[in-house]
């Protein structure tokens, strides 16, 4: 019998699967529409900042810096190799600037420390990974069309503004206080630490698994360590990390934009793109479909007892031939033909 579906993530699977059909890229969307989406983002972010009492600089600066990086990457470097790392190298000084220009206080310092630690770990990991691997298939296609590329870069600037909402809110809106940390702060630290640890362990496990494979050239899927219990444990850890920062900041409703945006952005970009690519490569394989049916898409959960076992999402020899476009039947037929030809030669 096949593995039973983990019912807790059925709706999320359907959500990201539906999003795959609506993905915007250079093949199905006109440059003019990408230009319109790009131009809408700066006034939208500035309006949100003004409405919530956050200095507009935190909405505009990351977008402007990423507009500059678009021109640098597309027309000078002619590569989006540094797309990912640009986000963290922009986020880090923005957090510092926000802290130094903010209200101050114990809670403000705590949120600064948590967010900078997250940013430093992720930035170092992404920088090391792109230097070792040399490319990232997710961003390579941005170079296909200038308007599409510009939209991608500006969207990352918007991501920085919305992702850091709990930080900007704590620094500039929450009342300054030098009072000792309360139970909410300690709970936030614990949740943040759990998320950061999960994300780091998952990243290291995937990195070790990918060590000898070029980006986008995998011939199997990851199913070791945390990846046995979630198809994307690193993204789960990222979401929990920002939930912890939100709790540590004092749980103000406006600050909840950070964990909410983290979940939304990851599900409809990185997670959706990875699922789409894996479905395209392995979707015709029973082993892969059984793995998906038994494994939570995001929240780590116990694997069904009937789930397929094995290391590195191991597949049978016939499955490997199917991935490479070879037919085992054809191979056996070819072998018999060679045998008959050899016999005729002997006769």
C-alpha atoms as a PDB file:
ATOM      1  CA  UNK A   1       0.000   0.000   0.000  1.00  0.00           C
ATOM      2  CA  UNK A   2       1.125   3.547  -0.640  1.00  0.00           C
ATOM      3  CA  UNK A   3       1.851   6.025   2.113  1.00  0.00           C
ATOM      4  CA  UNK A   4      -1.071   7.891   3.601  1.00  0.00           C
ATOM      5  CA  UNK A   5      -1.233  11.647   3.154  1.00  0.00           C
ATOM      6  CA  UNK A   6      -0.265  13.710   6.159  1.00  0.00           C
ATOM      7  CA  UNK A   7      -3.620  15.466   6.547  1.00  0.00           C
ATOM      8  CA  UNK A   8      -2.276  18.454   8.444  1.00  0.00           C
ATOM      9  CA  UNK A   9      -0.641  19.997   5.370  1.00  0.00           C
ATOM     10  CA  UNK A  10      -3.203  19.132   2.710  1.00  0.00           C
ATOM     11  CA  UNK A  11      -4.441  22.720   2.467  1.00  0.00           C
ATOM     12  CA  UNK A  12      -0.910  24.124   2.289  1.00  0.00           C
ATOM     13  CA  UNK A  13       0.020  21.652  -0.423  1.00  0.00           C
ATOM     14  CA  UNK A  14      -3.016  22.723  -2.419  1.00  0.00           C
ATOM     15  CA  UNK A  15      -2.222  26.390  -1.816  1.00  0.00           C
ATOM     16  CA  UNK A  16       1.346  26.212  -3.112  1.00  0.00           C
ATOM     17  CA  UNK A  17       0.310  23.880  -5.936  1.00  0.00           C
ATOM     18  CA  UNK A  18      -2.299  26.388  -7.113  1.00  0.00           C
ATOM     19  CA  UNK A  19       0.313  29.158  -6.851  1.00  0.00           C
ATOM     20  CA  UNK A  20       2.583  27.243  -9.234  1.00  0.00           C
ATOM     21  CA  UNK A  21       0.046  27.725 -12.021  1.00  0.00           C
ATOM     22  CA  UNK A  22      -0.024  31.489 -11.426  1.00  0.00           C
ATOM     23  CA  UNK A  23       3.729  32.101 -11.226  1.00  0.00           C
ATOM     24  CA  UNK A  24       4.699  35.274 -13.048  1.00  0.00           C
ATOM     25  CA  UNK A  25       7.838  35.154 -15.172  1.00  0.00           C
ATOM     26  CA  UNK A  26       9.183  36.425 -18.485  1.00  0.00           C
ATOM     27  CA  UNK A  27       7.422  33.674 -20.453  1.00  0.00           C
ATOM     28  CA  UNK A  28       3.848  34.539 -19.463  1.00  0.00           C
ATOM     29  CA  UNK A  29       3.887  38.188 -18.367  1.00  0.00           C
ATOM     30  CA  UNK A  30       4.582  41.300 -20.453  1.00  0.00           C
ATOM     31  CA  UNK A  31       7.478  43.649 -19.564  1.00  0.00           C
ATOM     32  CA  UNK A  32       5.013  46.525 -19.194  1.00  0.00           C
ATOM     33  CA  UNK A  33       3.141  44.673 -16.440  1.00  0.00           C
ATOM     34  CA  UNK A  34       6.397  43.973 -14.583  1.00  0.00           C
ATOM     35  CA  UNK A  35       7.256  47.674 -14.858  1.00  0.00           C
ATOM     36  CA  UNK A  36       3.845  48.556 -13.403  1.00  0.00           C
ATOM     37  CA  UNK A  37       4.326  46.115 -10.489  1.00  0.00           C
ATOM     38  CA  UNK A  38       7.785  47.573  -9.870  1.00  0.00           C
ATOM     39  CA  UNK A  39       6.591  51.183  -9.837  1.00  0.00           C
ATOM     40  CA  UNK A  40       3.755  50.368  -7.425  1.00  0.00           C
ATOM     41  CA  UNK A  41       6.026  49.039  -4.701  1.00  0.00           C
ATOM     42  CA  UNK A  42       7.806  52.226  -3.476  1.00  0.00           C
ATOM     43  CA  UNK A  43       4.601  54.264  -2.877  1.00  0.00           C
ATOM     44  CA  UNK A  44       2.874  51.209  -1.375  1.00  0.00           C
ATOM     45  CA  UNK A  45       5.656  50.618   1.150  1.00  0.00           C
ATOM     46  CA  UNK A  46       5.980  54.324   1.921  1.00  0.00           C
ATOM     47  CA  UNK A  47       2.232  54.527   2.535  1.00  0.00           C
ATOM     48  CA  UNK A  48       2.303  51.532   4.888  1.00  0.00           C
ATOM     49  CA  UNK A  49       5.222  53.064   6.805  1.00  0.00           C
ATOM     50  CA  UNK A  50       3.472  56.421   7.173  1.00  0.00           C
ATOM     51  CA  UNK A  51       0.213  54.770   8.226  1.00  0.00           C
ATOM     52  CA  UNK A  52       1.971  52.765  10.952  1.00  0.00           C
ATOM     53  CA  UNK A  53       4.208  55.606  12.155  1.00  0.00           C
ATOM     54  CA  UNK A  54       7.466  54.024  10.937  1.00  0.00           C
ATOM     55  CA  UNK A  55      10.051  56.365   9.342  1.00  0.00           C
ATOM     56  CA  UNK A  56       9.638  56.235   5.564  1.00  0.00           C
ATOM     57  CA  UNK A  57      13.383  55.717   5.148  1.00  0.00           C
ATOM     58  CA  UNK A  58      13.000  52.051   6.116  1.00  0.00           C
ATOM     59  CA  UNK A  59      10.571  51.565   3.243  1.00  0.00           C
ATOM     60  CA  UNK A  60      12.453  53.568   0.626  1.00  0.00           C
ATOM     61  CA  UNK A  61      16.140  52.844   1.308  1.00  0.00           C
ATOM     62  CA  UNK A  62      16.079  49.061   0.681  1.00  0.00           C
ATOM     63  CA  UNK A  63      14.065  49.544  -2.513  1.00  0.00           C
ATOM     64  CA  UNK A  64      16.366  52.265  -3.863  1.00  0.00           C
ATOM     65  CA  UNK A  65      19.484  50.242  -3.062  1.00  0.00           C
ATOM     66  CA  UNK A  66      18.038  47.239  -4.882  1.00  0.00           C
ATOM     67  CA  UNK A  67      17.150  49.369  -7.910  1.00  0.00           C
ATOM     68  CA  UNK A  68      20.842  50.285  -8.078  1.00  0.00           C
ATOM     69  CA  UNK A  69      21.798  46.631  -7.732  1.00  0.00           C
ATOM     70  CA  UNK A  70      19.488  45.752 -10.615  1.00  0.00           C
ATOM     71  CA  UNK A  71      21.463  47.986 -12.967  1.00  0.00           C
ATOM     72  CA  UNK A  72      24.769  46.677 -11.593  1.00  0.00           C
ATOM     73  CA  UNK A  73      23.769  43.031 -11.943  1.00  0.00           C
ATOM     74  CA  UNK A  74      21.941  43.208 -15.263  1.00  0.00           C
ATOM     75  CA  UNK A  75      24.129  45.598 -17.252  1.00  0.00           C
ATOM     76  CA  UNK A  76      27.550  45.362 -15.615  1.00  0.00           C
ATOM     77  CA  UNK A  77      27.942  41.977 -13.906  1.00  0.00           C
ATOM     78  CA  UNK A  78      25.426  40.341 -16.288  1.00  0.00           C
ATOM     79  CA  UNK A  79      24.578  37.902 -13.517  1.00  0.00           C
ATOM     80  CA  UNK A  80      22.213  37.612 -10.542  1.00  0.00           C
ATOM     81  CA  UNK A  81      24.765  35.573  -8.647  1.00  0.00           C
ATOM     82  CA  UNK A  82      24.694  37.985  -5.699  1.00  0.00           C
ATOM     83  CA  UNK A  83      20.921  38.407  -5.517  1.00  0.00           C
ATOM     84  CA  UNK A  84      20.414  36.486  -2.274  1.00  0.00           C
ATOM     85  CA  UNK A  85      23.387  37.898  -0.397  1.00  0.00           C
ATOM     86  CA  UNK A  86      22.422  41.474  -1.318  1.00  0.00           C
ATOM     87  CA  UNK A  87      19.317  41.129   0.829  1.00  0.00           C
ATOM     88  CA  UNK A  88      21.279  40.386   4.002  1.00  0.00           C
ATOM     89  CA  UNK A  89      24.018  42.950   3.309  1.00  0.00           C
ATOM     90  CA  UNK A  90      21.251  45.563   3.017  1.00  0.00           C
ATOM     91  CA  UNK A  91      19.262  44.300   5.996  1.00  0.00           C
ATOM     92  CA  UNK A  92      22.205  44.332   8.437  1.00  0.00           C
ATOM     93  CA  UNK A  93      23.134  48.060   8.252  1.00  0.00           C
ATOM     94  CA  UNK A  94      19.440  48.996   8.121  1.00  0.00           C
ATOM     95  CA  UNK A  95      18.855  47.205  11.450  1.00  0.00           C
ATOM     96  CA  UNK A  96      21.845  49.015  12.965  1.00  0.00           C
ATOM     97  CA  UNK A  97      20.651  52.375  11.648  1.00  0.00           C
ATOM     98  CA  UNK A  98      17.161  51.707  13.000  1.00  0.00           C
ATOM     99  CA  UNK A  99      18.540  50.859  16.428  1.00  0.00           C
ATOM    100  CA  UNK A 100      20.786  53.926  16.630  1.00  0.00           C
ATOM    101  CA  UNK A 101      18.006  56.279  15.484  1.00  0.00           C
ATOM    102  CA  UNK A 102      15.282  54.641  17.592  1.00  0.00           C
ATOM    103  CA  UNK A 103      13.850  55.090  21.075  1.00  0.00           C
ATOM    104  CA  UNK A 104      16.317  52.822  22.855  1.00  0.00           C
ATOM    105  CA  UNK A 105      15.578  50.652  25.853  1.00  0.00           C
ATOM    106  CA  UNK A 106      16.119  47.049  26.925  1.00  0.00           C
ATOM    107  CA  UNK A 107      13.532  45.500  24.598  1.00  0.00           C
ATOM    108  CA  UNK A 108      14.855  47.492  21.656  1.00  0.00           C
ATOM    109  CA  UNK A 109      18.365  46.183  22.325  1.00  0.00           C
ATOM    110  CA  UNK A 110      17.051  42.623  22.573  1.00  0.00           C
ATOM    111  CA  UNK A 111      15.227  42.796  19.242  1.00  0.00           C
ATOM    112  CA  UNK A 112      18.329  44.305  17.625  1.00  0.00           C
ATOM    113  CA  UNK A 113      20.498  41.470  18.945  1.00  0.00           C
ATOM    114  CA  UNK A 114      18.084  38.753  17.781  1.00  0.00           C
ATOM    115  CA  UNK A 115      17.580  40.196  14.303  1.00  0.00           C
ATOM    116  CA  UNK A 116      21.285  40.911  13.749  1.00  0.00           C
ATOM    117  CA  UNK A 117      22.196  37.368  14.798  1.00  0.00           C
ATOM    118  CA  UNK A 118      19.647  35.950  12.356  1.00  0.00           C
ATOM    119  CA  UNK A 119      20.879  38.261   9.588  1.00  0.00           C
ATOM    120  CA  UNK A 120      24.557  37.461  10.209  1.00  0.00           C
ATOM    121  CA  UNK A 121      24.054  33.685  10.172  1.00  0.00           C
ATOM    122  CA  UNK A 122      21.912  33.727   7.051  1.00  0.00           C
ATOM    123  CA  UNK A 123      24.169  36.195   5.245  1.00  0.00           C
ATOM    124  CA  UNK A 124      27.319  34.185   5.941  1.00  0.00           C
ATOM    125  CA  UNK A 125      25.628  30.960   4.889  1.00  0.00           C
ATOM    126  CA  UNK A 126      24.203  32.374   1.649  1.00  0.00           C
ATOM    127  CA  UNK A 127      27.496  34.089   0.808  1.00  0.00           C
ATOM    128  CA  UNK A 128      29.505  30.922   1.397  1.00  0.00           C
ATOM    129  CA  UNK A 129      27.009  28.818  -0.555  1.00  0.00           C
ATOM    130  CA  UNK A 130      26.997  30.999  -3.669  1.00  0.00           C
ATOM    131  CA  UNK A 131      30.797  31.183  -3.673  1.00  0.00           C
ATOM    132  CA  UNK A 132      31.078  27.390  -3.477  1.00  0.00           C
ATOM    133  CA  UNK A 133      28.283  26.540  -5.920  1.00  0.00           C
ATOM    134  CA  UNK A 134      28.842  29.433  -8.312  1.00  0.00           C
ATOM    135  CA  UNK A 135      25.192  29.964  -9.277  1.00  0.00           C
ATOM    136  CA  UNK A 136      21.584  29.657  -8.150  1.00  0.00           C
ATOM    137  CA  UNK A 137      19.045  28.370 -10.675  1.00  0.00           C
ATOM    138  CA  UNK A 138      16.230  30.323  -8.940  1.00  0.00           C
ATOM    139  CA  UNK A 139      17.757  33.653  -9.988  1.00  0.00           C
ATOM    140  CA  UNK A 140      19.439  32.734 -13.255  1.00  0.00           C
ATOM    141  CA  UNK A 141      16.220  33.214 -15.222  1.00  0.00           C
ATOM    142  CA  UNK A 142      15.883  36.805 -13.973  1.00  0.00           C
ATOM    143  CA  UNK A 143      18.538  37.693 -16.549  1.00  0.00           C
ATOM    144  CA  UNK A 144      16.195  36.682 -19.385  1.00  0.00           C
ATOM    145  CA  UNK A 145      14.314  39.999 -19.406  1.00  0.00           C
ATOM    146  CA  UNK A 146      15.251  43.408 -17.898  1.00  0.00           C
ATOM    147  CA  UNK A 147      11.775  44.361 -16.600  1.00  0.00           C
ATOM    148  CA  UNK A 148      11.380  40.954 -14.982  1.00  0.00           C
ATOM    149  CA  UNK A 149      14.829  41.262 -13.391  1.00  0.00           C
ATOM    150  CA  UNK A 150      14.079  44.768 -12.092  1.00  0.00           C
ATOM    151  CA  UNK A 151      10.821  43.531 -10.572  1.00  0.00           C
ATOM    152  CA  UNK A 152      12.717  40.752  -8.786  1.00  0.00           C
ATOM    153  CA  UNK A 153      15.289  43.117  -7.277  1.00  0.00           C
ATOM    154  CA  UNK A 154      12.737  45.707  -6.161  1.00  0.00           C
ATOM    155  CA  UNK A 155      10.597  42.946  -4.640  1.00  0.00           C
ATOM    156  CA  UNK A 156      13.530  41.953  -2.443  1.00  0.00           C
ATOM    157  CA  UNK A 157      13.730  45.553  -1.214  1.00  0.00           C
ATOM    158  CA  UNK A 158      10.036  45.325  -0.319  1.00  0.00           C
ATOM    159  CA  UNK A 159      10.727  42.016   1.429  1.00  0.00           C
ATOM    160  CA  UNK A 160      13.323  43.706   3.668  1.00  0.00           C
ATOM    161  CA  UNK A 161      10.900  46.444   4.711  1.00  0.00           C
ATOM    162  CA  UNK A 162       8.008  44.090   5.524  1.00  0.00           C
ATOM    163  CA  UNK A 163      10.197  41.357   7.044  1.00  0.00           C
ATOM    164  CA  UNK A 164      11.735  43.836   9.458  1.00  0.00           C
ATOM    165  CA  UNK A 165       8.422  45.329  10.593  1.00  0.00           C
ATOM    166  CA  UNK A 166       8.736  44.036  14.158  1.00  0.00           C
ATOM    167  CA  UNK A 167      12.225  45.571  14.337  1.00  0.00           C
ATOM    168  CA  UNK A 168      11.197  49.005  12.994  1.00  0.00           C
ATOM    169  CA  UNK A 169       8.125  49.010  15.255  1.00  0.00           C
ATOM    170  CA  UNK A 170      10.121  48.177  18.387  1.00  0.00           C
ATOM    171  CA  UNK A 171      12.767  50.792  17.629  1.00  0.00           C
ATOM    172  CA  UNK A 172      10.493  53.684  16.668  1.00  0.00           C
ATOM    173  CA  UNK A 173       6.958  53.165  18.009  1.00  0.00           C
ATOM    174  CA  UNK A 174       7.081  51.022  21.137  1.00  0.00           C
ATOM    175  CA  UNK A 175       7.748  53.126  24.266  1.00  0.00           C
ATOM    176  CA  UNK A 176      11.368  53.077  25.414  1.00  0.00           C
ATOM    177  CA  UNK A 177      11.974  51.321  28.711  1.00  0.00           C
ATOM    178  CA  UNK A 178      15.001  50.188  30.678  1.00  0.00           C
ATOM    179  CA  UNK A 179      12.886  47.775  32.724  1.00  0.00           C
ATOM    180  CA  UNK A 180      14.191  44.204  33.007  1.00  0.00           C
ATOM    181  CA  UNK A 181      13.063  41.693  30.417  1.00  0.00           C
ATOM    182  CA  UNK A 182       9.687  40.123  31.147  1.00  0.00           C
ATOM    183  CA  UNK A 183       8.366  36.585  30.571  1.00  0.00           C
ATOM    184  CA  UNK A 184       7.244  37.542  27.060  1.00  0.00           C
ATOM    185  CA  UNK A 185      10.810  38.499  26.158  1.00  0.00           C
ATOM    186  CA  UNK A 186      12.208  35.212  27.469  1.00  0.00           C
ATOM    187  CA  UNK A 187       9.527  33.235  25.645  1.00  0.00           C
ATOM    188  CA  UNK A 188      10.426  35.095  22.464  1.00  0.00           C
ATOM    189  CA  UNK A 189      14.115  34.289  22.929  1.00  0.00           C
ATOM    190  CA  UNK A 190      13.287  30.584  23.353  1.00  0.00           C
ATOM    191  CA  UNK A 191      11.082  30.480  20.241  1.00  0.00           C
ATOM    192  CA  UNK A 192      13.669  32.462  18.248  1.00  0.00           C
ATOM    193  CA  UNK A 193      16.473  30.104  19.330  1.00  0.00           C
ATOM    194  CA  UNK A 194      14.421  27.053  18.363  1.00  0.00           C
ATOM    195  CA  UNK A 195      13.716  28.531  14.932  1.00  0.00           C
ATOM    196  CA  UNK A 196      17.292  29.629  14.309  1.00  0.00           C
ATOM    197  CA  UNK A 197      18.647  26.218  15.359  1.00  0.00           C
ATOM    198  CA  UNK A 198      16.168  24.388  13.134  1.00  0.00           C
ATOM    199  CA  UNK A 199      17.018  26.577  10.153  1.00  0.00           C
ATOM    200  CA  UNK A 200      20.773  26.220  10.665  1.00  0.00           C
ATOM    201  CA  UNK A 201      20.710  22.444  11.147  1.00  0.00           C
ATOM    202  CA  UNK A 202      18.486  22.000   8.077  1.00  0.00           C
ATOM    203  CA  UNK A 203      20.777  24.237   5.996  1.00  0.00           C
ATOM    204  CA  UNK A 204      23.863  22.302   7.061  1.00  0.00           C
ATOM    205  CA  UNK A 205      22.220  18.936   6.337  1.00  0.00           C
ATOM    206  CA  UNK A 206      21.140  20.061   2.873  1.00  0.00           C
ATOM    207  CA  UNK A 207      24.574  21.558   2.194  1.00  0.00           C
ATOM    208  CA  UNK A 208      26.332  18.294   3.069  1.00  0.00           C
ATOM    209  CA  UNK A 209      23.892  16.398   0.847  1.00  0.00           C
ATOM    210  CA  UNK A 210      24.486  18.819  -2.048  1.00  0.00           C
ATOM    211  CA  UNK A 211      28.261  18.977  -1.587  1.00  0.00           C
ATOM    212  CA  UNK A 212      29.207  17.309  -4.867  1.00  0.00           C
ATOM    213  CA  UNK A 213      26.260  18.465  -6.999  1.00  0.00           C
ATOM    214  CA  UNK A 214      25.918  21.631  -9.073  1.00  0.00           C
ATOM    215  CA  UNK A 215      22.912  23.882  -8.484  1.00  0.00           C
ATOM    216  CA  UNK A 216      19.796  22.408 -10.085  1.00  0.00           C
ATOM    217  CA  UNK A 217      21.517  19.140 -11.135  1.00  0.00           C
ATOM    218  CA  UNK A 218      20.226  16.857  -8.376  1.00  0.00           C
ATOM    219  CA  UNK A 219      19.081  13.393  -9.478  1.00  0.00           C
ATOM    220  CA  UNK A 220      17.261  12.595  -6.214  1.00  0.00           C
ATOM    221  CA  UNK A 221      15.571  14.434  -3.363  1.00  0.00           C
ATOM    222  CA  UNK A 222      16.698  15.127   0.191  1.00  0.00           C
ATOM    223  CA  UNK A 223      15.252  12.834   2.885  1.00  0.00           C
ATOM    224  CA  UNK A 224      17.769  12.781   5.699  1.00  0.00           C
ATOM    225  CA  UNK A 225      17.792  14.353   9.158  1.00  0.00           C
ATOM    226  CA  UNK A 226      15.127  17.028   9.586  1.00  0.00           C
ATOM    227  CA  UNK A 227      14.207  16.637   5.913  1.00  0.00           C
ATOM    228  CA  UNK A 228      12.668  13.273   6.752  1.00  0.00           C
ATOM    229  CA  UNK A 229       9.960  15.038   8.762  1.00  0.00           C
ATOM    230  CA  UNK A 230       9.452  18.135   6.603  1.00  0.00           C
ATOM    231  CA  UNK A 231      10.038  18.832   2.922  1.00  0.00           C
ATOM    232  CA  UNK A 232      11.268  22.339   3.852  1.00  0.00           C
ATOM    233  CA  UNK A 233      12.468  22.401   7.483  1.00  0.00           C
ATOM    234  CA  UNK A 234      14.771  25.371   6.814  1.00  0.00           C
ATOM    235  CA  UNK A 235      11.780  27.514   5.830  1.00  0.00           C
ATOM    236  CA  UNK A 236       9.882  26.326   8.889  1.00  0.00           C
ATOM    237  CA  UNK A 237      12.815  27.412  11.058  1.00  0.00           C
ATOM    238  CA  UNK A 238      12.858  30.809   9.348  1.00  0.00           C
ATOM    239  CA  UNK A 239       9.182  31.331  10.122  1.00  0.00           C
ATOM    240  CA  UNK A 240       9.605  30.292  13.763  1.00  0.00           C
ATOM    241  CA  UNK A 241      12.624  32.589  14.062  1.00  0.00           C
ATOM    242  CA  UNK A 242      10.552  35.638  13.125  1.00  0.00           C
ATOM    243  CA  UNK A 243       7.682  34.509  15.318  1.00  0.00           C
ATOM    244  CA  UNK A 244      10.168  34.567  18.197  1.00  0.00           C
ATOM    245  CA  UNK A 245      11.296  38.112  17.320  1.00  0.00           C
ATOM    246  CA  UNK A 246       7.649  39.195  17.242  1.00  0.00           C
ATOM    247  CA  UNK A 247       7.023  37.692  20.701  1.00  0.00           C
ATOM    248  CA  UNK A 248      10.219  39.193  22.122  1.00  0.00           C
ATOM    249  CA  UNK A 249       9.219  42.622  20.795  1.00  0.00           C
ATOM    250  CA  UNK A 250       6.067  42.614  22.931  1.00  0.00           C
ATOM    251  CA  UNK A 251       3.458  40.985  20.655  1.00  0.00           C
ATOM    252  CA  UNK A 252       2.055  44.270  19.331  1.00  0.00           C
ATOM    253  CA  UNK A 253      -0.467  43.449  16.545  1.00  0.00           C
ATOM    254  CA  UNK A 254       1.318  45.676  14.011  1.00  0.00           C
ATOM    255  CA  UNK A 255       4.594  43.820  14.603  1.00  0.00           C
ATOM    256  CA  UNK A 256       2.902  40.559  13.557  1.00  0.00           C
ATOM    257  CA  UNK A 257       3.523  41.675   9.967  1.00  0.00           C
ATOM    258  CA  UNK A 258       7.018  40.159  10.293  1.00  0.00           C
ATOM    259  CA  UNK A 259       6.120  36.480  10.927  1.00  0.00           C
ATOM    260  CA  UNK A 260       3.038  36.733   8.690  1.00  0.00           C
ATOM    261  CA  UNK A 261       5.071  38.130   5.800  1.00  0.00           C
ATOM    262  CA  UNK A 262       7.831  35.564   6.408  1.00  0.00           C
ATOM    263  CA  UNK A 263       5.311  32.738   5.991  1.00  0.00           C
ATOM    264  CA  UNK A 264       3.576  34.319   2.992  1.00  0.00           C
ATOM    265  CA  UNK A 265       6.778  35.207   1.156  1.00  0.00           C
ATOM    266  CA  UNK A 266       8.468  31.837   1.622  1.00  0.00           C
ATOM    267  CA  UNK A 267       5.386  29.797   0.699  1.00  0.00           C
ATOM    268  CA  UNK A 268       4.701  31.770  -2.485  1.00  0.00           C
ATOM    269  CA  UNK A 269       8.309  32.197  -3.652  1.00  0.00           C
ATOM    270  CA  UNK A 270      11.085  29.836  -2.550  1.00  0.00           C
ATOM    271  CA  UNK A 271       8.923  26.939  -1.329  1.00  0.00           C
ATOM    272  CA  UNK A 272       6.589  27.114  -4.311  1.00  0.00           C
ATOM    273  CA  UNK A 273       9.475  27.334  -6.812  1.00  0.00           C
ATOM    274  CA  UNK A 274      11.296  24.374  -5.253  1.00  0.00           C
ATOM    275  CA  UNK A 275       8.137  22.251  -5.182  1.00  0.00           C
ATOM    276  CA  UNK A 276       7.424  23.145  -8.801  1.00  0.00           C
ATOM    277  CA  UNK A 277      10.922  22.161  -9.888  1.00  0.00           C
ATOM    278  CA  UNK A 278      10.854  18.867  -7.967  1.00  0.00           C
ATOM    279  CA  UNK A 279       7.383  18.025  -9.301  1.00  0.00           C
ATOM    280  CA  UNK A 280       8.613  18.632 -12.830  1.00  0.00           C
ATOM    281  CA  UNK A 281      11.684  16.450 -12.350  1.00  0.00           C
ATOM    282  CA  UNK A 282      10.296  13.629 -10.192  1.00  0.00           C
ATOM    283  CA  UNK A 283       6.516  13.988 -10.414  1.00  0.00           C
ATOM    284  CA  UNK A 284       6.127  10.887 -12.610  1.00  0.00           C
ATOM    285  CA  UNK A 285       7.879   8.669 -10.052  1.00  0.00           C
ATOM    286  CA  UNK A 286       5.875   6.647  -7.545  1.00  0.00           C
ATOM    287  CA  UNK A 287       8.689   6.827  -4.965  1.00  0.00           C
ATOM    288  CA  UNK A 288       8.571  10.614  -5.027  1.00  0.00           C
ATOM    289  CA  UNK A 289       4.787  10.788  -4.859  1.00  0.00           C
ATOM    290  CA  UNK A 290       4.825   8.391  -1.885  1.00  0.00           C
ATOM    291  CA  UNK A 291       7.391  10.615  -0.178  1.00  0.00           C
ATOM    292  CA  UNK A 292       5.212  13.696  -0.699  1.00  0.00           C
ATOM    293  CA  UNK A 293       2.105  11.921   0.517  1.00  0.00           C
ATOM    294  CA  UNK A 294       3.835  10.894   3.754  1.00  0.00           C
ATOM    295  CA  UNK A 295       5.867  14.041   4.517  1.00  0.00           C
ATOM    296  CA  UNK A 296       4.660  17.420   5.753  1.00  0.00           C
ATOM    297  CA  UNK A 297       5.384  20.224   3.308  1.00  0.00           C
ATOM    298  CA  UNK A 298       6.464  22.672   6.033  1.00  0.00           C
ATOM    299  CA  UNK A 299       5.783  21.858   9.708  1.00  0.00           C
ATOM    300  CA  UNK A 300       7.969  18.886  10.809  1.00  0.00           C
ATOM    301  CA  UNK A 301       5.808  15.878  11.595  1.00  0.00           C
ATOM    302  CA  UNK A 302       6.214  12.148  12.180  1.00  0.00           C
ATOM    303  CA  UNK A 303       6.495  10.203   8.938  1.00  0.00           C
ATOM    304  CA  UNK A 304       3.822   7.655   8.132  1.00  0.00           C
ATOM    305  CA  UNK A 305       4.859   4.086   8.943  1.00  0.00           C
ATOM    306  CA  UNK A 306       4.096   3.162   5.334  1.00  0.00           C
ATOM    307  CA  UNK A 307       6.313   5.884   3.922  1.00  0.00           C
ATOM    308  CA  UNK A 308       9.143   4.786   1.609  1.00  0.00           C
ATOM    309  CA  UNK A 309      12.429   4.453   3.456  1.00  0.00           C
ATOM    310  CA  UNK A 310      15.964   4.978   2.248  1.00  0.00           C
ATOM    311  CA  UNK A 311      18.782   7.506   2.151  1.00  0.00           C
ATOM    312  CA  UNK A 312      18.867  10.587  -0.081  1.00  0.00           C
ATOM    313  CA  UNK A 313      15.375   9.829  -1.350  1.00  0.00           C
ATOM    314  CA  UNK A 314      16.880   6.735  -2.928  1.00  0.00           C
ATOM    315  CA  UNK A 315      15.229   5.397  -6.055  1.00  0.00           C
ATOM    316  CA  UNK A 316      15.365   2.119  -7.887  1.00  0.00           C
ATOM    317  CA  UNK A 317      17.619   1.561 -10.900  1.00  0.00           C
ATOM    318  CA  UNK A 318      14.616   1.621 -13.220  1.00  0.00           C
ATOM    319  CA  UNK A 319      13.564   4.965 -11.734  1.00  0.00           C
ATOM    320  CA  UNK A 320      17.037   6.388 -12.262  1.00  0.00           C
ATOM    321  CA  UNK A 321      16.817   5.354 -15.890  1.00  0.00           C
ATOM    322  CA  UNK A 322      13.467   7.107 -16.193  1.00  0.00           C
ATOM    323  CA  UNK A 323      14.947  10.312 -14.760  1.00  0.00           C
ATOM    324  CA  UNK A 324      17.682  10.196 -17.378  1.00  0.00           C
ATOM    325  CA  UNK A 325      15.158   9.427 -20.096  1.00  0.00           C
ATOM    326  CA  UNK A 326      16.256   5.822 -20.527  1.00  0.00           C
ATOM    327  CA  UNK A 327      13.995   2.801 -20.681  1.00  0.00           C
ATOM    328  CA  UNK A 328      15.141  -0.384 -18.910  1.00  0.00           C
ATOM    329  CA  UNK A 329      13.130  -2.427 -21.424  1.00  0.00           C
ATOM    330  CA  UNK A 330      14.914  -0.726 -24.283  1.00  0.00           C
ATOM    331  CA  UNK A 331      18.245  -1.402 -22.603  1.00  0.00           C
ATOM    332  CA  UNK A 332      17.470  -5.121 -22.192  1.00  0.00           C
ATOM    333  CA  UNK A 333      16.279  -5.325 -25.804  1.00  0.00           C
ATOM    334  CA  UNK A 334      19.446  -3.644 -26.960  1.00  0.00           C
ATOM    335  CA  UNK A 335      21.483  -6.131 -24.896  1.00  0.00           C
ATOM    336  CA  UNK A 336      19.691  -9.099 -26.482  1.00  0.00           C
ATOM    337  CA  UNK A 337      20.252  -7.642 -29.950  1.00  0.00           C
ATOM    338  CA  UNK A 338      23.966  -7.362 -29.318  1.00  0.00           C
ATOM    339  CA  UNK A 339      23.986 -10.972 -28.071  1.00  0.00           C
ATOM    340  CA  UNK A 340      22.221 -12.220 -31.221  1.00  0.00           C
ATOM    341  CA  UNK A 341      24.552 -10.231 -33.430  1.00  0.00           C
ATOM    342  CA  UNK A 342      27.524 -11.768 -31.639  1.00  0.00           C
ATOM    343  CA  UNK A 343      26.083 -15.275 -32.125  1.00  0.00           C
ATOM    344  CA  UNK A 344      25.595 -14.675 -35.868  1.00  0.00           C
ATOM    345  CA  UNK A 345      29.179 -13.531 -36.156  1.00  0.00           C
ATOM    346  CA  UNK A 346      30.364 -16.724 -34.436  1.00  0.00           C
ATOM    347  CA  UNK A 347      28.242 -18.864 -36.717  1.00  0.00           C
END
